[in-house]
Amino acid sequence: MQSSFQISEAYRNRCLEILGGRGGGSRFFVFSFFFFSHFPPSQAQKAALRVVTEAAMARLLCLRCGSWTMFLFFLCRRRVWAAEEAAADSCHNLRPGQYLCKEPEIDDGTQEPENCQDAIAWVDCLPAPNVTCRLSNGTEFRFSGEEVGFRRSVPCRNVSAYSYKVAVALSLFLGWLGADRFYLGYPALGVLKFCTVGFCGVGTLVDFVLIAVQMVGPSDGSDYIVDYYGARLHRLSVTERTYRKPHLSP
């Protein structure tokens, strides 16, 4: 399917033929009204500059050009200029590919972004070269690819001092003594496992699986310290906001 921005050569020639004939002024008005009604302003700034402006200039240069046609031409040009001004929107509204966000600075101890607060960290984003947008203070700026245009939030986790690797290792080798439960802050279960030799091995196996899949975490509700660029498990849950595809009966 052809994009709205890609106007074929035959379509352009047809526009010139229609607008250059007799009564082109009225046809130009009808065409312009249809064109700008069909294309949103964000699309008109490209397509209109290539088709409508060219057709209008052809009409203006002909001998039968009148003030009415000139008025309609500048009316449409004002619409195009307004679309171009609207394109210089806030830098936060840039589309993917128009900017590049830096990687967050990772803390070696927590393996989370250094400025992580309330499960959110902020990173600097650099608009692409020759991109013009408005800064947070309302100033319109043209970027060269090296200036920071805005900041975006990235998710981070609330960690304390419990390492995932240490918890798995204790559960695997010393789980029958309850060392994993002691480490995670469950002393009662640790003593029980120690006295029963890991519930005769059954509790040791169950705890190892639960800790490995991160179903059992630290007692303070924090997350494990896991390598930021390592293998992390993301738990998916179904809530009332989860989209459910309607069942179609055969």
C-alpha atoms as a PDB file:
ATOM      1  CA  MET A   1       0.000   0.000   0.000  1.00  0.00           C
ATOM      2  CA  GLN A   2       1.337   3.431  -0.925  1.00  0.00           C
ATOM      3  CA  SER A   3       2.105   5.772   1.945  1.00  0.00           C
ATOM      4  CA  SER A   4       0.251   9.074   2.343  1.00  0.00           C
ATOM      5  CA  PHE A   5       3.565  10.882   1.882  1.00  0.00           C
ATOM      6  CA  GLN A   6       4.382   9.152  -1.407  1.00  0.00           C
ATOM      7  CA  ILE A   7       2.424  10.924  -4.161  1.00  0.00           C
ATOM      8  CA  SER A   8       2.908   9.262  -7.529  1.00  0.00           C
ATOM      9  CA  GLU A   9       4.076  11.170 -10.620  1.00  0.00           C
ATOM     10  CA  ALA A  10       0.817  10.460 -12.428  1.00  0.00           C
ATOM     11  CA  TYR A  11      -1.167  11.882  -9.534  1.00  0.00           C
ATOM     12  CA  ARG A  12       0.978  15.030  -9.516  1.00  0.00           C
ATOM     13  CA  ASN A  13       0.518  15.540 -13.272  1.00  0.00           C
ATOM     14  CA  ARG A  14      -3.217  15.076 -12.899  1.00  0.00           C
ATOM     15  CA  CYS A  15      -3.283  17.804 -10.246  1.00  0.00           C
ATOM     16  CA  LEU A  16      -1.409  20.164 -12.554  1.00  0.00           C
ATOM     17  CA  GLU A  17      -3.799  19.369 -15.401  1.00  0.00           C
ATOM     18  CA  ILE A  18      -6.894  19.994 -13.276  1.00  0.00           C
ATOM     19  CA  LEU A  19      -5.628  23.208 -11.731  1.00  0.00           C
ATOM     20  CA  GLY A  20      -4.288  24.617 -14.980  1.00  0.00           C
ATOM     21  CA  GLY A  21      -7.501  24.298 -16.972  1.00  0.00           C
ATOM     22  CA  ARG A  22     -10.378  26.673 -17.246  1.00  0.00           C
ATOM     23  CA  GLY A  23     -11.993  27.452 -13.937  1.00  0.00           C
ATOM     24  CA  GLY A  24      -8.848  26.329 -12.171  1.00  0.00           C
ATOM     25  CA  GLY A  25      -9.433  28.806  -9.358  1.00  0.00           C
ATOM     26  CA  SER A  26     -12.575  27.102  -8.121  1.00  0.00           C
ATOM     27  CA  ARG A  27     -11.111  23.661  -8.701  1.00  0.00           C
ATOM     28  CA  PHE A  28      -8.043  24.709  -6.762  1.00  0.00           C
ATOM     29  CA  PHE A  29     -10.280  25.682  -3.848  1.00  0.00           C
ATOM     30  CA  VAL A  30     -12.132  22.343  -3.932  1.00  0.00           C
ATOM     31  CA  PHE A  31      -8.896  20.399  -4.285  1.00  0.00           C
ATOM     32  CA  SER A  32      -7.213  22.275  -1.439  1.00  0.00           C
ATOM     33  CA  PHE A  33     -10.188  21.770   0.859  1.00  0.00           C
ATOM     34  CA  PHE A  34     -10.245  18.044   0.097  1.00  0.00           C
ATOM     35  CA  PHE A  35      -6.473  17.682   0.451  1.00  0.00           C
ATOM     36  CA  PHE A  36      -6.145  19.368   3.820  1.00  0.00           C
ATOM     37  CA  SER A  37      -9.263  17.633   5.113  1.00  0.00           C
ATOM     38  CA  HIS A  38      -7.968  14.242   4.057  1.00  0.00           C
ATOM     39  CA  PHE A  39      -4.411  14.586   5.439  1.00  0.00           C
ATOM     40  CA  PRO A  40      -3.748  15.506   9.079  1.00  0.00           C
ATOM     41  CA  PRO A  41      -1.486  18.505   9.658  1.00  0.00           C
ATOM     42  CA  SER A  42       1.480  16.319  10.528  1.00  0.00           C
ATOM     43  CA  GLN A  43       1.264  14.609   7.150  1.00  0.00           C
ATOM     44  CA  ALA A  44       0.386  17.738   5.178  1.00  0.00           C
ATOM     45  CA  GLN A  45       3.712  19.397   5.927  1.00  0.00           C
ATOM     46  CA  LYS A  46       5.448  16.952   3.568  1.00  0.00           C
ATOM     47  CA  ALA A  47       2.827  15.974   1.036  1.00  0.00           C
ATOM     48  CA  ALA A  48       1.409  19.479   0.599  1.00  0.00           C
ATOM     49  CA  LEU A  49       4.816  21.042  -0.018  1.00  0.00           C
ATOM     50  CA  ARG A  50       5.389  18.573  -2.849  1.00  0.00           C
ATOM     51  CA  VAL A  51       1.970  18.546  -4.541  1.00  0.00           C
ATOM     52  CA  VAL A  52      -0.239  21.481  -3.614  1.00  0.00           C
ATOM     53  CA  THR A  53       2.511  24.089  -3.683  1.00  0.00           C
ATOM     54  CA  GLU A  54       3.769  22.891  -7.056  1.00  0.00           C
ATOM     55  CA  ALA A  55       0.277  22.854  -8.493  1.00  0.00           C
ATOM     56  CA  ALA A  56      -0.502  26.284  -7.092  1.00  0.00           C
ATOM     57  CA  MET A  57       2.689  27.771  -8.493  1.00  0.00           C
ATOM     58  CA  ALA A  58       1.825  26.385 -11.906  1.00  0.00           C
ATOM     59  CA  ARG A  59      -1.562  28.038 -11.655  1.00  0.00           C
ATOM     60  CA  LEU A  60      -0.066  31.338 -10.508  1.00  0.00           C
ATOM     61  CA  LEU A  61       2.409  31.443 -13.403  1.00  0.00           C
ATOM     62  CA  CYS A  62      -0.223  30.952 -16.075  1.00  0.00           C
ATOM     63  CA  LEU A  63      -1.722  33.947 -17.908  1.00  0.00           C
ATOM     64  CA  ARG A  64      -5.195  33.404 -16.511  1.00  0.00           C
ATOM     65  CA  CYS A  65      -4.024  33.713 -12.929  1.00  0.00           C
ATOM     66  CA  GLY A  66      -6.180  36.035 -10.836  1.00  0.00           C
ATOM     67  CA  SER A  67      -6.203  37.509  -7.369  1.00  0.00           C
ATOM     68  CA  TRP A  68      -8.708  34.876  -6.171  1.00  0.00           C
ATOM     69  CA  THR A  69      -6.337  32.052  -7.005  1.00  0.00           C
ATOM     70  CA  MET A  70      -3.444  33.895  -5.367  1.00  0.00           C
ATOM     71  CA  PHE A  71      -5.503  34.370  -2.228  1.00  0.00           C
ATOM     72  CA  LEU A  72      -6.317  30.665  -2.104  1.00  0.00           C
ATOM     73  CA  PHE A  73      -2.665  29.798  -2.653  1.00  0.00           C
ATOM     74  CA  PHE A  74      -1.452  31.860   0.300  1.00  0.00           C
ATOM     75  CA  LEU A  75      -4.313  30.499   2.386  1.00  0.00           C
ATOM     76  CA  CYS A  76      -3.072  26.981   1.799  1.00  0.00           C
ATOM     77  CA  ARG A  77       0.521  28.056   2.367  1.00  0.00           C
ATOM     78  CA  ARG A  78      -0.453  29.394   5.784  1.00  0.00           C
ATOM     79  CA  ARG A  79      -1.901  25.974   6.584  1.00  0.00           C
ATOM     80  CA  VAL A  80       1.377  24.347   5.576  1.00  0.00           C
ATOM     81  CA  TRP A  81       3.395  26.800   7.674  1.00  0.00           C
ATOM     82  CA  ALA A  82       1.137  26.107  10.634  1.00  0.00           C
ATOM     83  CA  ALA A  83       1.796  22.377  10.165  1.00  0.00           C
ATOM     84  CA  GLU A  84       5.546  23.004  10.133  1.00  0.00           C
ATOM     85  CA  GLU A  85       5.324  25.044  13.326  1.00  0.00           C
ATOM     86  CA  ALA A  86       3.275  22.290  14.963  1.00  0.00           C
ATOM     87  CA  ALA A  87       5.998  19.802  13.999  1.00  0.00           C
ATOM     88  CA  ALA A  88       8.411  21.632  16.325  1.00  0.00           C
ATOM     89  CA  ASP A  89       6.782  20.017  19.311  1.00  0.00           C
ATOM     90  CA  SER A  90       8.228  19.238  22.707  1.00  0.00           C
ATOM     91  CA  CYS A  91      11.345  17.095  22.695  1.00  0.00           C
ATOM     92  CA  HIS A  92       9.518  14.575  24.887  1.00  0.00           C
ATOM     93  CA  ASN A  93       7.196  13.821  21.933  1.00  0.00           C
ATOM     94  CA  LEU A  94       9.940  12.785  19.537  1.00  0.00           C
ATOM     95  CA  ARG A  95       9.347   9.505  17.761  1.00  0.00           C
ATOM     96  CA  PRO A  96      11.589   6.442  18.113  1.00  0.00           C
ATOM     97  CA  GLY A  97      14.584   6.892  15.846  1.00  0.00           C
ATOM     98  CA  GLN A  98      14.671  10.663  16.338  1.00  0.00           C
ATOM     99  CA  TYR A  99      16.608  10.417  19.584  1.00  0.00           C
ATOM    100  CA  LEU A 100      19.049   8.168  21.427  1.00  0.00           C
ATOM    101  CA  CYS A 101      19.028   7.700  25.190  1.00  0.00           C
ATOM    102  CA  LYS A 102      22.215   6.949  27.060  1.00  0.00           C
ATOM    103  CA  GLU A 103      22.660   3.810  29.098  1.00  0.00           C
ATOM    104  CA  PRO A 104      22.243   4.394  32.850  1.00  0.00           C
ATOM    105  CA  GLU A 105      25.249   4.443  35.127  1.00  0.00           C
ATOM    106  CA  ILE A 106      25.172   1.121  37.014  1.00  0.00           C
ATOM    107  CA  ASP A 107      26.207   0.881  40.655  1.00  0.00           C
ATOM    108  CA  ASP A 108      28.640  -1.998  41.177  1.00  0.00           C
ATOM    109  CA  GLY A 109      27.199  -2.907  44.557  1.00  0.00           C
ATOM    110  CA  THR A 110      23.476  -2.921  43.772  1.00  0.00           C
ATOM    111  CA  GLN A 111      23.671  -3.562  40.002  1.00  0.00           C
ATOM    112  CA  GLU A 112      20.993  -0.902  39.556  1.00  0.00           C
ATOM    113  CA  PRO A 113      21.142   2.650  38.157  1.00  0.00           C
ATOM    114  CA  GLU A 114      22.908   5.010  40.536  1.00  0.00           C
ATOM    115  CA  ASN A 115      20.030   7.513  40.701  1.00  0.00           C
ATOM    116  CA  CYS A 116      17.347   4.882  41.302  1.00  0.00           C
ATOM    117  CA  GLN A 117      14.579   6.218  43.536  1.00  0.00           C
ATOM    118  CA  ASP A 118      11.086   4.807  43.965  1.00  0.00           C
ATOM    119  CA  ALA A 119      11.760   2.169  41.265  1.00  0.00           C
ATOM    120  CA  ILE A 120      12.534   4.900  38.668  1.00  0.00           C
ATOM    121  CA  ALA A 121      15.841   6.153  37.280  1.00  0.00           C
ATOM    122  CA  TRP A 122      16.440   8.964  34.781  1.00  0.00           C
ATOM    123  CA  VAL A 123      18.708   8.897  31.727  1.00  0.00           C
ATOM    124  CA  ASP A 124      19.764  11.633  29.295  1.00  0.00           C
ATOM    125  CA  CYS A 125      18.400  11.510  25.755  1.00  0.00           C
ATOM    126  CA  LEU A 126      20.072  13.119  22.734  1.00  0.00           C
ATOM    127  CA  PRO A 127      17.928  14.100  19.734  1.00  0.00           C
ATOM    128  CA  ALA A 128      19.316  13.127  16.344  1.00  0.00           C
ATOM    129  CA  PRO A 129      21.270  15.672  14.257  1.00  0.00           C
ATOM    130  CA  ASN A 130      19.172  18.373  12.527  1.00  0.00           C
ATOM    131  CA  VAL A 131      16.146  17.616  14.697  1.00  0.00           C
ATOM    132  CA  THR A 132      14.336  20.708  15.962  1.00  0.00           C
ATOM    133  CA  CYS A 133      12.142  20.540  19.046  1.00  0.00           C
ATOM    134  CA  ARG A 134      11.174  22.570  22.062  1.00  0.00           C
ATOM    135  CA  LEU A 135      13.038  22.252  25.346  1.00  0.00           C
ATOM    136  CA  SER A 136      11.359  22.119  28.738  1.00  0.00           C
ATOM    137  CA  ASN A 137      11.737  25.907  29.076  1.00  0.00           C
ATOM    138  CA  GLY A 138       9.871  26.490  25.797  1.00  0.00           C
ATOM    139  CA  THR A 139      12.950  27.363  23.742  1.00  0.00           C
ATOM    140  CA  GLU A 140      13.071  25.916  20.231  1.00  0.00           C
ATOM    141  CA  PHE A 141      16.481  24.387  19.538  1.00  0.00           C
ATOM    142  CA  ARG A 142      18.104  22.642  16.580  1.00  0.00           C
ATOM    143  CA  PHE A 143      20.294  19.771  17.765  1.00  0.00           C
ATOM    144  CA  SER A 144      23.544  18.489  16.335  1.00  0.00           C
ATOM    145  CA  GLY A 145      23.376  15.063  17.983  1.00  0.00           C
ATOM    146  CA  GLU A 146      25.576  15.860  20.990  1.00  0.00           C
ATOM    147  CA  GLU A 147      23.254  17.992  23.150  1.00  0.00           C
ATOM    148  CA  VAL A 148      20.904  16.599  25.779  1.00  0.00           C
ATOM    149  CA  GLY A 149      17.340  17.415  24.836  1.00  0.00           C
ATOM    150  CA  PHE A 150      15.359  15.742  27.594  1.00  0.00           C
ATOM    151  CA  ARG A 151      15.420  12.939  30.144  1.00  0.00           C
ATOM    152  CA  ARG A 152      13.430   9.719  30.177  1.00  0.00           C
ATOM    153  CA  SER A 153      12.632   7.405  33.040  1.00  0.00           C
ATOM    154  CA  VAL A 154      13.725   3.780  33.091  1.00  0.00           C
ATOM    155  CA  PRO A 155      12.485   1.197  35.585  1.00  0.00           C
ATOM    156  CA  CYS A 156      14.769  -0.026  38.333  1.00  0.00           C
ATOM    157  CA  ARG A 157      14.367  -2.333  41.304  1.00  0.00           C
ATOM    158  CA  ASN A 158      14.455  -1.849  45.041  1.00  0.00           C
ATOM    159  CA  VAL A 159      17.382  -3.916  46.282  1.00  0.00           C
ATOM    160  CA  SER A 160      19.092  -4.157  49.663  1.00  0.00           C
ATOM    161  CA  ALA A 161      21.983  -6.513  50.438  1.00  0.00           C
ATOM    162  CA  TYR A 162      20.719  -9.919  49.312  1.00  0.00           C
ATOM    163  CA  SER A 163      22.519 -11.439  46.358  1.00  0.00           C
ATOM    164  CA  TYR A 164      20.699 -13.854  44.107  1.00  0.00           C
ATOM    165  CA  LYS A 165      23.840 -15.861  43.413  1.00  0.00           C
ATOM    166  CA  VAL A 166      24.601 -16.278  47.121  1.00  0.00           C
ATOM    167  CA  ALA A 167      21.033 -17.334  47.907  1.00  0.00           C
ATOM    168  CA  VAL A 168      21.030 -19.993  45.172  1.00  0.00           C
ATOM    169  CA  ALA A 169      24.449 -21.298  46.233  1.00  0.00           C
ATOM    170  CA  LEU A 170      23.411 -21.587  49.907  1.00  0.00           C
ATOM    171  CA  SER A 171      20.182 -23.324  48.947  1.00  0.00           C
ATOM    172  CA  LEU A 172      22.021 -25.797  46.714  1.00  0.00           C
ATOM    173  CA  PHE A 173      24.892 -26.768  49.047  1.00  0.00           C
ATOM    174  CA  LEU A 174      23.699 -25.879  52.563  1.00  0.00           C
ATOM    175  CA  GLY A 175      19.946 -25.926  52.128  1.00  0.00           C
ATOM    176  CA  TRP A 176      19.583 -29.036  54.269  1.00  0.00           C
ATOM    177  CA  LEU A 177      20.980 -26.976  57.186  1.00  0.00           C
ATOM    178  CA  GLY A 178      18.590 -24.085  56.563  1.00  0.00           C
ATOM    179  CA  ALA A 179      21.398 -21.692  55.594  1.00  0.00           C
ATOM    180  CA  ASP A 180      19.351 -20.241  52.743  1.00  0.00           C
ATOM    181  CA  ARG A 181      16.466 -19.342  55.052  1.00  0.00           C
ATOM    182  CA  PHE A 182      18.799 -17.808  57.603  1.00  0.00           C
ATOM    183  CA  TYR A 183      20.430 -15.726  54.859  1.00  0.00           C
ATOM    184  CA  LEU A 184      17.106 -14.439  53.508  1.00  0.00           C
ATOM    185  CA  GLY A 185      15.849 -13.440  56.946  1.00  0.00           C
ATOM    186  CA  TYR A 186      13.601 -16.380  57.903  1.00  0.00           C
ATOM    187  CA  PRO A 187      15.247 -17.672  61.142  1.00  0.00           C
ATOM    188  CA  ALA A 188      12.246 -19.755  62.254  1.00  0.00           C
ATOM    189  CA  LEU A 189      12.159 -21.753  59.025  1.00  0.00           C
ATOM    190  CA  GLY A 190      15.953 -21.983  59.139  1.00  0.00           C
ATOM    191  CA  VAL A 191      15.898 -23.605  62.578  1.00  0.00           C
ATOM    192  CA  LEU A 192      13.112 -25.963  61.501  1.00  0.00           C
ATOM    193  CA  LYS A 193      15.047 -27.069  58.427  1.00  0.00           C
ATOM    194  CA  PHE A 194      18.197 -27.510  60.512  1.00  0.00           C
ATOM    195  CA  CYS A 195      16.429 -29.748  63.039  1.00  0.00           C
ATOM    196  CA  THR A 196      14.680 -31.862  60.393  1.00  0.00           C
ATOM    197  CA  VAL A 197      17.656 -31.988  57.986  1.00  0.00           C
ATOM    198  CA  GLY A 198      15.765 -30.024  55.356  1.00  0.00           C
ATOM    199  CA  PHE A 199      12.481 -31.849  56.007  1.00  0.00           C
ATOM    200  CA  CYS A 200      14.269 -35.037  55.042  1.00  0.00           C
ATOM    201  CA  GLY A 201      15.480 -33.487  51.793  1.00  0.00           C
ATOM    202  CA  VAL A 202      12.010 -32.585  50.484  1.00  0.00           C
ATOM    203  CA  GLY A 203      12.054 -29.068  51.902  1.00  0.00           C
ATOM    204  CA  THR A 204      15.583 -28.546  50.586  1.00  0.00           C
ATOM    205  CA  LEU A 205      14.506 -29.369  47.034  1.00  0.00           C
ATOM    206  CA  VAL A 206      11.359 -27.234  47.248  1.00  0.00           C
ATOM    207  CA  ASP A 207      13.244 -24.231  48.606  1.00  0.00           C
ATOM    208  CA  PHE A 208      15.920 -24.555  45.927  1.00  0.00           C
ATOM    209  CA  VAL A 209      13.306 -24.428  43.169  1.00  0.00           C
ATOM    210  CA  LEU A 210      11.440 -21.516  44.783  1.00  0.00           C
ATOM    211  CA  ILE A 211      14.627 -19.489  45.255  1.00  0.00           C
ATOM    212  CA  ALA A 212      15.922 -20.305  41.778  1.00  0.00           C
ATOM    213  CA  VAL A 213      12.734 -18.987  40.139  1.00  0.00           C
ATOM    214  CA  GLN A 214      12.705 -16.050  42.577  1.00  0.00           C
ATOM    215  CA  MET A 215       9.361 -16.982  44.077  1.00  0.00           C
ATOM    216  CA  VAL A 216      10.961 -16.720  47.521  1.00  0.00           C
ATOM    217  CA  GLY A 217      12.843 -13.493  48.120  1.00  0.00           C
ATOM    218  CA  PRO A 218      14.297 -11.542  51.042  1.00  0.00           C
ATOM    219  CA  SER A 219      12.069 -11.110  54.067  1.00  0.00           C
ATOM    220  CA  ASP A 220      12.180  -7.297  53.856  1.00  0.00           C
ATOM    221  CA  GLY A 221      10.355  -7.335  50.504  1.00  0.00           C
ATOM    222  CA  SER A 222      13.307  -6.130  48.475  1.00  0.00           C
ATOM    223  CA  ASP A 223      14.585  -7.700  45.266  1.00  0.00           C
ATOM    224  CA  TYR A 224      17.677  -9.799  44.758  1.00  0.00           C
ATOM    225  CA  ILE A 225      20.877  -8.210  43.542  1.00  0.00           C
ATOM    226  CA  VAL A 226      21.143  -9.552  40.011  1.00  0.00           C
ATOM    227  CA  ASP A 227      23.586  -8.449  37.303  1.00  0.00           C
ATOM    228  CA  TYR A 228      21.989  -5.561  35.422  1.00  0.00           C
ATOM    229  CA  TYR A 229      22.906  -7.034  32.049  1.00  0.00           C
ATOM    230  CA  GLY A 230      22.508 -10.609  33.227  1.00  0.00           C
ATOM    231  CA  ALA A 231      19.597 -13.026  33.065  1.00  0.00           C
ATOM    232  CA  ARG A 232      16.669 -11.562  34.986  1.00  0.00           C
ATOM    233  CA  LEU A 233      13.271 -13.070  35.553  1.00  0.00           C
ATOM    234  CA  HIS A 234      10.223 -10.888  35.020  1.00  0.00           C
ATOM    235  CA  ARG A 235       7.086 -12.123  36.676  1.00  0.00           C
ATOM    236  CA  LEU A 236       3.950 -11.764  34.587  1.00  0.00           C
ATOM    237  CA  SER A 237       0.578 -11.540  36.272  1.00  0.00           C
ATOM    238  CA  VAL A 238      -2.992 -11.312  35.051  1.00  0.00           C
ATOM    239  CA  THR A 239      -5.007  -8.394  36.413  1.00  0.00           C
ATOM    240  CA  GLU A 240      -8.286  -6.700  35.596  1.00  0.00           C
ATOM    241  CA  ARG A 241      -6.424  -4.570  33.032  1.00  0.00           C
ATOM    242  CA  THR A 242      -5.092  -7.562  31.117  1.00  0.00           C
ATOM    243  CA  TYR A 243      -6.549  -7.725  27.618  1.00  0.00           C
ATOM    244  CA  ARG A 244      -8.451 -10.899  26.919  1.00  0.00           C
ATOM    245  CA  LYS A 245      -9.068 -11.822  23.345  1.00  0.00           C
ATOM    246  CA  PRO A 246     -12.761 -12.540  22.826  1.00  0.00           C
ATOM    247  CA  HIS A 247     -13.600 -16.133  22.042  1.00  0.00           C
ATOM    248  CA  LEU A 248     -15.031 -16.570  18.561  1.00  0.00           C
ATOM    249  CA  SER A 249     -17.449 -19.435  18.231  1.00  0.00           C
ATOM    250  CA  PRO A 250     -17.014 -21.540  15.079  1.00  0.00           C
END
